[in-house]
PDB file of all heavy atoms in Angstrom:
ATOM      1  N   GLY A   1     -10.789  -2.169  19.280  1.00  0.00           N
ATOM      2  CA  GLY A   1     -10.742  -2.891  17.865  1.00  0.00           C
ATOM      3  C   GLY A   1      -9.451  -2.667  17.250  1.00  0.00           C
ATOM      4  O   GLY A   1      -8.433  -2.379  17.924  1.00  0.00           O
ATOM      5  N   TRP A   2      -9.440  -2.829  15.883  1.00  0.00           N
ATOM      6  CA  TRP A   2      -8.264  -2.510  15.079  1.00  0.00           C
ATOM      7  C   TRP A   2      -8.223  -1.022  14.878  1.00  0.00           C
ATOM      8  O   TRP A   2      -8.802  -0.505  13.967  1.00  0.00           O
ATOM      9  CB  TRP A   2      -8.332  -3.271  13.751  1.00  0.00           C
ATOM     10  CG  TRP A   2      -7.004  -3.274  12.981  1.00  0.00           C
ATOM     11  CD1 TRP A   2      -6.293  -2.226  12.655  1.00  0.00           C
ATOM     12  CD2 TRP A   2      -6.328  -4.463  12.506  1.00  0.00           C
ATOM     13  NE1 TRP A   2      -5.158  -2.634  11.977  1.00  0.00           N
ATOM     14  CE2 TRP A   2      -5.167  -4.022  11.925  1.00  0.00           C
ATOM     15  CE3 TRP A   2      -6.601  -5.876  12.563  1.00  0.00           C
ATOM     16  CZ2 TRP A   2      -4.263  -4.913  11.287  1.00  0.00           C
ATOM     17  CZ3 TRP A   2      -5.659  -6.760  11.993  1.00  0.00           C
ATOM     18  CH2 TRP A   2      -4.537  -6.222  11.332  1.00  0.00           C
ATOM     19  N   SER A   3      -7.636  -0.322  15.844  1.00  0.00           N
ATOM     20  CA  SER A   3      -7.855   1.106  15.987  1.00  0.00           C
ATOM     21  C   SER A   3      -6.791   2.023  15.273  1.00  0.00           C
ATOM     22  O   SER A   3      -5.715   1.599  15.126  1.00  0.00           O
ATOM     23  CB  SER A   3      -7.816   1.471  17.485  1.00  0.00           C
ATOM     24  OG  SER A   3      -8.856   0.707  18.218  1.00  0.00           O
ATOM     25  N   TRP A   4      -7.312   3.098  14.770  1.00  0.00           N
ATOM     26  CA  TRP A   4      -6.495   3.971  14.012  1.00  0.00           C
ATOM     27  C   TRP A   4      -6.468   5.353  14.567  1.00  0.00           C
ATOM     28  O   TRP A   4      -5.958   5.575  15.657  1.00  0.00           O
ATOM     29  CB  TRP A   4      -6.904   4.042  12.458  1.00  0.00           C
ATOM     30  CG  TRP A   4      -6.883   2.722  11.822  1.00  0.00           C
ATOM     31  CD1 TRP A   4      -7.821   1.665  11.840  1.00  0.00           C
ATOM     32  CD2 TRP A   4      -5.852   2.232  11.022  1.00  0.00           C
ATOM     33  NE1 TRP A   4      -7.359   0.635  11.094  1.00  0.00           N
ATOM     34  CE2 TRP A   4      -6.155   0.959  10.537  1.00  0.00           C
ATOM     35  CE3 TRP A   4      -4.596   2.755  10.567  1.00  0.00           C
ATOM     36  CZ2 TRP A   4      -5.340   0.130   9.735  1.00  0.00           C
ATOM     37  CZ3 TRP A   4      -3.755   1.988   9.756  1.00  0.00           C
ATOM     38  CH2 TRP A   4      -4.103   0.739   9.392  1.00  0.00           C
ATOM     39  N   ASP A   5      -7.027   6.329  13.920  1.00  0.00           N
ATOM     40  CA  ASP A   5      -7.000   7.690  14.413  1.00  0.00           C
ATOM     41  C   ASP A   5      -7.780   7.898  15.694  1.00  0.00           C
ATOM     42  O   ASP A   5      -8.744   7.073  15.931  1.00  0.00           O
ATOM     43  CB  ASP A   5      -7.601   8.590  13.298  1.00  0.00           C
ATOM     44  CG  ASP A   5      -7.195  10.063  13.416  1.00  0.00           C
ATOM     45  OD1 ASP A   5      -6.119  10.277  14.028  1.00  0.00           O
ATOM     46  OD2 ASP A   5      -7.828  10.949  12.855  1.00  0.00           O
ATOM     47  N   ASN A   6      -7.516   8.794  16.470  1.00  0.00           N
ATOM     48  CA  ASN A   6      -8.322   9.208  17.608  1.00  0.00           C
ATOM     49  C   ASN A   6      -8.295  10.655  17.807  1.00  0.00           C
ATOM     50  O   ASN A   6      -7.241  11.352  17.526  1.00  0.00           O
ATOM     51  CB  ASN A   6      -7.920   8.409  18.969  1.00  0.00           C
ATOM     52  CG  ASN A   6      -6.649   8.939  19.569  1.00  0.00           C
ATOM     53  OD1 ASN A   6      -6.573   9.973  20.142  1.00  0.00           O
ATOM     54  ND2 ASN A   6      -5.536   8.077  19.376  1.00  0.00           N
ATOM     55  N   LYS A   7      -9.270  11.268  18.422  1.00  0.00           N
ATOM     56  CA  LYS A   7      -9.391  12.670  18.718  1.00  0.00           C
ATOM     57  C   LYS A   7      -9.989  12.840  20.124  1.00  0.00           C
ATOM     58  O   LYS A   7     -11.043  12.211  20.469  1.00  0.00           O
ATOM     59  CB  LYS A   7     -10.185  13.411  17.649  1.00  0.00           C
ATOM     60  CG  LYS A   7      -9.561  13.627  16.327  1.00  0.00           C
ATOM     61  CD  LYS A   7      -8.289  14.469  16.368  1.00  0.00           C
ATOM     62  CE  LYS A   7      -7.601  14.582  15.058  1.00  0.00           C
ATOM     63  NZ  LYS A   7      -7.001  13.305  14.681  1.00  0.00           N
ATOM     64  N   LEU A   8      -9.281  13.710  20.921  1.00  0.00           N
ATOM     65  CA  LEU A   8      -9.814  13.998  22.212  1.00  0.00           C
ATOM     66  C   LEU A   8     -10.536  15.298  22.070  1.00  0.00           C
ATOM     67  O   LEU A   8      -9.999  16.373  21.705  1.00  0.00           O
ATOM     68  CB  LEU A   8      -8.710  14.113  23.254  1.00  0.00           C
ATOM     69  CG  LEU A   8      -7.763  12.963  23.462  1.00  0.00           C
ATOM     70  CD1 LEU A   8      -6.713  13.231  24.508  1.00  0.00           C
ATOM     71  CD2 LEU A   8      -8.546  11.661  23.772  1.00  0.00           C
ATOM     72  N   ALA A   9     -11.856  15.304  22.433  1.00  0.00           N
ATOM     73  CA  ALA A   9     -12.725  16.546  22.151  1.00  0.00           C
ATOM     74  C   ALA A   9     -13.911  16.460  23.039  1.00  0.00           C
ATOM     75  O   ALA A   9     -14.438  15.276  23.307  1.00  0.00           O
ATOM     76  CB  ALA A   9     -13.044  16.623  20.629  1.00  0.00           C
ATOM     77  N   ASP A  10     -14.481  17.569  23.325  1.00  0.00           N
ATOM     78  CA  ASP A  10     -15.719  17.621  24.184  1.00  0.00           C
ATOM     79  C   ASP A  10     -16.829  17.892  23.240  1.00  0.00           C
ATOM     80  O   ASP A  10     -17.088  19.081  22.782  1.00  0.00           O
ATOM     81  CB  ASP A  10     -15.561  18.801  25.212  1.00  0.00           C
ATOM     82  CG  ASP A  10     -16.643  18.878  26.151  1.00  0.00           C
ATOM     83  OD1 ASP A  10     -17.713  18.170  25.973  1.00  0.00           O
ATOM     84  OD2 ASP A  10     -16.550  19.481  27.329  1.00  0.00           O
ATOM     85  N   PHE A  11     -17.644  16.849  22.955  1.00  0.00           N
ATOM     86  CA  PHE A  11     -18.701  17.036  21.888  1.00  0.00           C
ATOM     87  C   PHE A  11     -20.084  17.455  22.467  1.00  0.00           C
ATOM     88  O   PHE A  11     -20.912  17.657  21.722  1.00  0.00           O
ATOM     89  CB  PHE A  11     -18.896  15.630  21.231  1.00  0.00           C
ATOM     90  CG  PHE A  11     -17.748  15.317  20.318  1.00  0.00           C
ATOM     91  CD1 PHE A  11     -16.855  14.290  20.665  1.00  0.00           C
ATOM     92  CD2 PHE A  11     -17.553  15.953  19.130  1.00  0.00           C
ATOM     93  CE1 PHE A  11     -15.794  14.013  19.811  1.00  0.00           C
ATOM     94  CE2 PHE A  11     -16.507  15.656  18.262  1.00  0.00           C
ATOM     95  CZ  PHE A  11     -15.616  14.664  18.595  1.00  0.00           C
ATOM     96  N   ALA A  12     -20.124  17.591  23.785  1.00  0.00           N
ATOM     97  CA  ALA A  12     -21.347  18.127  24.419  1.00  0.00           C
ATOM     98  C   ALA A  12     -21.057  19.224  25.386  1.00  0.00           C
ATOM     99  O   ALA A  12     -21.966  19.688  26.097  1.00  0.00           O
ATOM    100  CB  ALA A  12     -22.089  16.965  25.142  1.00  0.00           C
ATOM    101  N   ASN A  13     -19.814  19.841  25.302  1.00  0.00           N
ATOM    102  CA  ASN A  13     -19.420  20.919  26.159  1.00  0.00           C
ATOM    103  C   ASN A  13     -19.703  20.540  27.677  1.00  0.00           C
ATOM    104  O   ASN A  13     -20.118  21.470  28.463  1.00  0.00           O
ATOM    105  CB  ASN A  13     -20.108  22.260  25.852  1.00  0.00           C
ATOM    106  CG  ASN A  13     -19.656  22.673  24.408  1.00  0.00           C
ATOM    107  OD1 ASN A  13     -18.535  22.393  23.983  1.00  0.00           O
ATOM    108  ND2 ASN A  13     -20.550  23.468  23.816  1.00  0.00           N
ATOM    109  N   ARG A  14     -19.477  19.300  28.050  1.00  0.00           N
ATOM    110  CA  ARG A  14     -19.728  18.871  29.405  1.00  0.00           C
ATOM    111  C   ARG A  14     -18.569  19.309  30.353  1.00  0.00           C
ATOM    112  O   ARG A  14     -18.741  19.120  31.516  1.00  0.00           O
ATOM    113  CB  ARG A  14     -19.888  17.365  29.468  1.00  0.00           C
ATOM    114  CG  ARG A  14     -21.058  16.833  28.733  1.00  0.00           C
ATOM    115  CD  ARG A  14     -21.011  15.300  28.645  1.00  0.00           C
ATOM    116  NE  ARG A  14     -20.867  14.614  29.898  1.00  0.00           N
ATOM    117  CZ  ARG A  14     -19.870  13.826  30.273  1.00  0.00           C
ATOM    118  NH1 ARG A  14     -18.847  13.590  29.393  1.00  0.00           N
ATOM    119  NH2 ARG A  14     -19.807  13.255  31.435  1.00  0.00           N
ATOM    120  N   GLY A  15     -17.447  19.767  29.703  1.00  0.00           N
ATOM    121  CA  GLY A  15     -16.271  20.018  30.519  1.00  0.00           C
ATOM    122  C   GLY A  15     -15.425  18.773  30.722  1.00  0.00           C
ATOM    123  O   GLY A  15     -14.546  18.774  31.609  1.00  0.00           O
ATOM    124  N   GLU A  16     -15.677  17.742  29.931  1.00  0.00           N
ATOM    125  CA  GLU A  16     -14.869  16.499  29.933  1.00  0.00           C
ATOM    126  C   GLU A  16     -14.533  16.095  28.565  1.00  0.00           C
ATOM    127  O   GLU A  16     -15.467  16.174  27.676  1.00  0.00           O
ATOM    128  CB  GLU A  16     -15.534  15.410  30.656  1.00  0.00           C
ATOM    129  CG  GLU A  16     -15.889  15.633  32.114  1.00  0.00           C
ATOM    130  CD  GLU A  16     -14.660  15.639  32.984  1.00  0.00           C
ATOM    131  OE1 GLU A  16     -13.547  15.141  32.492  1.00  0.00           O
ATOM    132  OE2 GLU A  16     -14.775  16.022  34.207  1.00  0.00           O
ATOM    133  N   LEU A  17     -13.350  15.668  28.307  1.00  0.00           N
ATOM    134  CA  LEU A  17     -12.951  15.293  26.929  1.00  0.00           C
ATOM    135  C   LEU A  17     -13.484  13.885  26.629  1.00  0.00           C
ATOM    136  O   LEU A  17     -13.320  12.928  27.358  1.00  0.00           O
ATOM    137  CB  LEU A  17     -11.457  15.206  26.795  1.00  0.00           C
ATOM    138  CG  LEU A  17     -10.713  16.632  26.793  1.00  0.00           C
ATOM    139  CD1 LEU A  17      -9.245  16.401  26.842  1.00  0.00           C
ATOM    140  CD2 LEU A  17     -11.169  17.503  25.667  1.00  0.00           C
ATOM    141  N   ASP A  18     -14.145  13.723  25.444  1.00  0.00           N
ATOM    142  CA  ASP A  18     -14.595  12.558  24.866  1.00  0.00           C
ATOM    143  C   ASP A  18     -13.388  11.941  24.096  1.00  0.00           C
ATOM    144  O   ASP A  18     -12.517  12.696  23.687  1.00  0.00           O
ATOM    145  CB  ASP A  18     -15.895  12.648  24.070  1.00  0.00           C
ATOM    146  CG  ASP A  18     -16.921  13.266  24.842  1.00  0.00           C
ATOM    147  OD1 ASP A  18     -17.275  12.919  25.941  1.00  0.00           O
ATOM    148  OD2 ASP A  18     -17.492  14.300  24.274  1.00  0.00           O
ATOM    149  N   ILE A  19     -13.382  10.653  23.744  1.00  0.00           N
ATOM    150  CA  ILE A  19     -12.318   9.995  22.921  1.00  0.00           C
ATOM    151  C   ILE A  19     -13.043   9.316  21.771  1.00  0.00           C
ATOM    152  O   ILE A  19     -13.640   8.316  21.978  1.00  0.00           O
ATOM    153  CB  ILE A  19     -11.509   9.125  23.742  1.00  0.00           C
ATOM    154  CG1 ILE A  19     -10.959   9.744  25.082  1.00  0.00           C
ATOM    155  CG2 ILE A  19     -10.385   8.537  22.929  1.00  0.00           C
ATOM    156  CD1 ILE A  19     -10.269   8.832  25.946  1.00  0.00           C
ATOM    157  N   ALA A  20     -12.906   9.917  20.618  1.00  0.00           N
ATOM    158  CA  ALA A  20     -13.400   9.261  19.323  1.00  0.00           C
ATOM    159  C   ALA A  20     -12.299   8.473  18.749  1.00  0.00           C
ATOM    160  O   ALA A  20     -11.180   9.024  18.556  1.00  0.00           O
ATOM    161  CB  ALA A  20     -13.943  10.348  18.403  1.00  0.00           C
ATOM    162  N   VAL A  21     -12.602   7.222  18.292  1.00  0.00           N
ATOM    163  CA  VAL A  21     -11.615   6.271  17.811  1.00  0.00           C
ATOM    164  C   VAL A  21     -12.098   5.633  16.546  1.00  0.00           C
ATOM    165  O   VAL A  21     -13.177   5.067  16.545  1.00  0.00           O
ATOM    166  CB  VAL A  21     -11.225   5.186  18.804  1.00  0.00           C
ATOM    167  CG1 VAL A  21     -10.067   4.345  18.317  1.00  0.00           C
ATOM    168  CG2 VAL A  21     -10.813   5.815  20.178  1.00  0.00           C
ATOM    169  N   THR A  22     -11.321   5.624  15.427  1.00  0.00           N
ATOM    170  CA  THR A  22     -11.735   4.960  14.252  1.00  0.00           C
ATOM    171  C   THR A  22     -11.273   3.510  14.310  1.00  0.00           C
ATOM    172  O   THR A  22     -10.202   3.229  14.988  1.00  0.00           O
ATOM    173  CB  THR A  22     -11.128   5.606  12.987  1.00  0.00           C
ATOM    174  OG1 THR A  22      -9.698   5.661  13.052  1.00  0.00           O
ATOM    175  CG2 THR A  22     -11.734   7.022  12.787  1.00  0.00           C
ATOM    176  N   ASN A  23     -11.880   2.559  13.656  1.00  0.00           N
ATOM    177  CA  ASN A  23     -11.592   1.200  13.753  1.00  0.00           C
ATOM    178  C   ASN A  23     -11.831   0.384  12.468  1.00  0.00           C
ATOM    179  O   ASN A  23     -12.566   0.867  11.625  1.00  0.00           O
ATOM    180  CB  ASN A  23     -12.451   0.534  14.854  1.00  0.00           C
ATOM    181  CG  ASN A  23     -12.077   0.998  16.242  1.00  0.00           C
ATOM    182  OD1 ASN A  23     -11.027   0.721  16.797  1.00  0.00           O
ATOM    183  ND2 ASN A  23     -13.055   1.808  16.831  1.00  0.00           N
ATOM    184  N   GLY A  24     -11.239  -0.814  12.384  1.00  0.00           N
ATOM    185  CA  GLY A  24     -11.517  -1.752  11.290  1.00  0.00           C
ATOM    186  C   GLY A  24     -10.285  -1.804  10.341  1.00  0.00           C
ATOM    187  O   GLY A  24      -9.559  -0.828  10.133  1.00  0.00           O
ATOM    188  N   PHE A  25     -10.122  -2.996   9.715  1.00  0.00           N
ATOM    189  CA  PHE A  25      -8.966  -3.133   8.823  1.00  0.00           C
ATOM    190  C   PHE A  25      -9.441  -3.324   7.380  1.00  0.00           C
ATOM    191  O   PHE A  25      -9.532  -2.327   6.623  1.00  0.00           O
ATOM    192  CB  PHE A  25      -8.147  -4.265   9.325  1.00  0.00           C
ATOM    193  CG  PHE A  25      -6.774  -4.429   8.640  1.00  0.00           C
ATOM    194  CD1 PHE A  25      -5.973  -3.318   8.380  1.00  0.00           C
ATOM    195  CD2 PHE A  25      -6.318  -5.620   8.132  1.00  0.00           C
ATOM    196  CE1 PHE A  25      -4.739  -3.401   7.756  1.00  0.00           C
ATOM    197  CE2 PHE A  25      -5.114  -5.752   7.492  1.00  0.00           C
ATOM    198  CZ  PHE A  25      -4.330  -4.639   7.335  1.00  0.00           C
ATOM    199  N   ILE A  26      -9.623  -4.580   6.927  1.00  0.00           N
ATOM    200  CA  ILE A  26     -10.121  -4.780   5.558  1.00  0.00           C
ATOM    201  C   ILE A  26     -11.406  -5.588   5.600  1.00  0.00           C
ATOM    202  O   ILE A  26     -11.591  -6.504   6.366  1.00  0.00           O
ATOM    203  CB  ILE A  26      -9.033  -5.486   4.657  1.00  0.00           C
ATOM    204  CG1 ILE A  26      -8.609  -6.877   5.391  1.00  0.00           C
ATOM    205  CG2 ILE A  26      -7.858  -4.634   4.428  1.00  0.00           C
ATOM    206  CD1 ILE A  26      -7.659  -7.707   4.485  1.00  0.00           C
ATOM    207  N   ARG A  27     -12.331  -5.176   4.708  1.00  0.00           N
ATOM    208  CA  ARG A  27     -13.639  -5.725   4.745  1.00  0.00           C
ATOM    209  C   ARG A  27     -13.901  -6.686   3.564  1.00  0.00           C
ATOM    210  O   ARG A  27     -13.568  -6.384   2.393  1.00  0.00           O
ATOM    211  CB  ARG A  27     -14.747  -4.602   4.697  1.00  0.00           C
ATOM    212  CG  ARG A  27     -16.060  -5.105   4.983  1.00  0.00           C
ATOM    213  CD  ARG A  27     -17.023  -3.864   4.913  1.00  0.00           C
ATOM    214  NE  ARG A  27     -18.354  -4.227   5.371  1.00  0.00           N
ATOM    215  CZ  ARG A  27     -19.444  -3.513   5.228  1.00  0.00           C
ATOM    216  NH1 ARG A  27     -19.329  -2.295   4.638  1.00  0.00           N
ATOM    217  NH2 ARG A  27     -20.665  -3.841   5.699  1.00  0.00           N
ATOM    218  N   GLY A  28     -14.411  -7.893   3.907  1.00  0.00           N
ATOM    219  CA  GLY A  28     -14.728  -8.845   2.873  1.00  0.00           C
ATOM    220  C   GLY A  28     -15.599  -9.963   3.507  1.00  0.00           C
ATOM    221  O   GLY A  28     -16.317  -9.695   4.514  1.00  0.00           O
ATOM    222  N   SER A  29     -15.582 -11.121   2.845  1.00  0.00           N
ATOM    223  CA  SER A  29     -16.488 -12.170   3.302  1.00  0.00           C
ATOM    224  C   SER A  29     -15.740 -13.437   3.825  1.00  0.00           C
ATOM    225  O   SER A  29     -16.289 -14.333   4.454  1.00  0.00           O
ATOM    226  CB  SER A  29     -17.376 -12.628   2.165  1.00  0.00           C
ATOM    227  OG  SER A  29     -16.546 -13.030   0.995  1.00  0.00           O
ATOM    228  N   THR A  30     -14.376 -13.453   3.575  1.00  0.00           N
ATOM    229  CA  THR A  30     -13.623 -14.609   3.965  1.00  0.00           C
ATOM    230  C   THR A  30     -12.748 -14.218   5.205  1.00  0.00           C
ATOM    231  O   THR A  30     -11.905 -13.415   5.152  1.00  0.00           O
ATOM    232  CB  THR A  30     -12.745 -15.115   2.895  1.00  0.00           C
ATOM    233  OG1 THR A  30     -13.511 -15.526   1.800  1.00  0.00           O
ATOM    234  CG2 THR A  30     -11.931 -16.453   3.381  1.00  0.00           C
ATOM    235  N   ASN A  31     -12.987 -14.849   6.317  1.00  0.00           N
ATOM    236  CA  ASN A  31     -12.253 -14.507   7.568  1.00  0.00           C
ATOM    237  C   ASN A  31     -10.817 -14.946   7.491  1.00  0.00           C
ATOM    238  O   ASN A  31     -10.482 -16.128   7.362  1.00  0.00           O
ATOM    239  CB  ASN A  31     -13.033 -15.246   8.770  1.00  0.00           C
ATOM    240  CG  ASN A  31     -12.364 -14.838  10.037  1.00  0.00           C
ATOM    241  OD1 ASN A  31     -11.459 -14.118  10.156  1.00  0.00           O
ATOM    242  ND2 ASN A  31     -12.892 -15.406  11.153  1.00  0.00           N
ATOM    243  N   ARG A  32      -9.887 -14.046   7.607  1.00  0.00           N
ATOM    244  CA  ARG A  32      -8.572 -14.326   7.559  1.00  0.00           C
ATOM    245  C   ARG A  32      -7.835 -14.225   8.876  1.00  0.00           C
ATOM    246  O   ARG A  32      -6.638 -14.150   8.946  1.00  0.00           O
ATOM    247  CB  ARG A  32      -7.797 -13.494   6.495  1.00  0.00           C
ATOM    248  CG  ARG A  32      -8.230 -13.720   5.062  1.00  0.00           C
ATOM    249  CD  ARG A  32      -7.763 -15.152   4.746  1.00  0.00           C
ATOM    250  NE  ARG A  32      -8.042 -15.388   3.289  1.00  0.00           N
ATOM    251  CZ  ARG A  32      -7.977 -16.589   2.697  1.00  0.00           C
ATOM    252  NH1 ARG A  32      -7.670 -17.681   3.400  1.00  0.00           N
ATOM    253  NH2 ARG A  32      -8.222 -16.740   1.410  1.00  0.00           N
ATOM    254  N   TRP A  33      -8.573 -14.115  10.011  1.00  0.00           N
ATOM    255  CA  TRP A  33      -7.986 -14.030  11.266  1.00  0.00           C
ATOM    256  C   TRP A  33      -7.072 -15.235  11.616  1.00  0.00           C
ATOM    257  O   TRP A  33      -5.959 -15.071  12.204  1.00  0.00           O
ATOM    258  CB  TRP A  33      -9.021 -13.934  12.379  1.00  0.00           C
ATOM    259  CG  TRP A  33      -9.284 -12.424  12.758  1.00  0.00           C
ATOM    260  CD1 TRP A  33     -10.441 -11.781  12.528  1.00  0.00           C
ATOM    261  CD2 TRP A  33      -8.438 -11.530  13.389  1.00  0.00           C
ATOM    262  NE1 TRP A  33     -10.385 -10.469  12.850  1.00  0.00           N
ATOM    263  CE2 TRP A  33      -9.103 -10.279  13.464  1.00  0.00           C
ATOM    264  CE3 TRP A  33      -7.108 -11.573  13.874  1.00  0.00           C
ATOM    265  CZ2 TRP A  33      -8.516  -9.188  14.056  1.00  0.00           C
ATOM    266  CZ3 TRP A  33      -6.517 -10.471  14.362  1.00  0.00           C
ATOM    267  CH2 TRP A  33      -7.309  -9.270  14.481  1.00  0.00           C
ATOM    268  N   PRO A  34      -7.390 -16.507  11.279  1.00  0.00           N
ATOM    269  CA  PRO A  34      -6.540 -17.576  11.662  1.00  0.00           C
ATOM    270  C   PRO A  34      -5.164 -17.407  10.996  1.00  0.00           C
ATOM    271  O   PRO A  34      -4.110 -17.691  11.707  1.00  0.00           O
ATOM    272  CB  PRO A  34      -7.222 -18.834  11.083  1.00  0.00           C
ATOM    273  CG  PRO A  34      -8.772 -18.431  11.069  1.00  0.00           C
ATOM    274  CD  PRO A  34      -8.718 -16.959  10.764  1.00  0.00           C
ATOM    275  N   GLN A  35      -5.111 -16.971   9.771  1.00  0.00           N
ATOM    276  CA  GLN A  35      -3.793 -16.800   9.126  1.00  0.00           C
ATOM    277  C   GLN A  35      -3.016 -15.672   9.705  1.00  0.00           C
ATOM    278  O   GLN A  35      -1.770 -15.741   9.911  1.00  0.00           O
ATOM    279  CB  GLN A  35      -4.003 -16.581   7.631  1.00  0.00           C
ATOM    280  CG  GLN A  35      -4.413 -17.706   6.791  1.00  0.00           C
ATOM    281  CD  GLN A  35      -5.997 -17.988   6.907  1.00  0.00           C
ATOM    282  OE1 GLN A  35      -6.699 -17.251   7.562  1.00  0.00           O
ATOM    283  NE2 GLN A  35      -6.400 -19.113   6.294  1.00  0.00           N
ATOM    284  N   LEU A  36      -3.752 -14.643  10.134  1.00  0.00           N
ATOM    285  CA  LEU A  36      -3.020 -13.534  10.785  1.00  0.00           C
ATOM    286  C   LEU A  36      -2.454 -13.885  12.072  1.00  0.00           C
ATOM    287  O   LEU A  36      -1.372 -13.460  12.386  1.00  0.00           O
ATOM    288  CB  LEU A  36      -4.068 -12.310  10.935  1.00  0.00           C
ATOM    289  CG  LEU A  36      -3.441 -11.045  11.554  1.00  0.00           C
ATOM    290  CD1 LEU A  36      -2.306 -10.496  10.756  1.00  0.00           C
ATOM    291  CD2 LEU A  36      -4.561 -10.005  11.808  1.00  0.00           C
TER     292      LEU A  36
END
């Protein structure tokens, strides 16, 4: 998505790093993707 911060961390102690990623830009009701 429109991705921002990420952290590599093992959230279940499985011995493998998970990747958490934040997403999203501006929230409203009028879609401005065509203009972007």
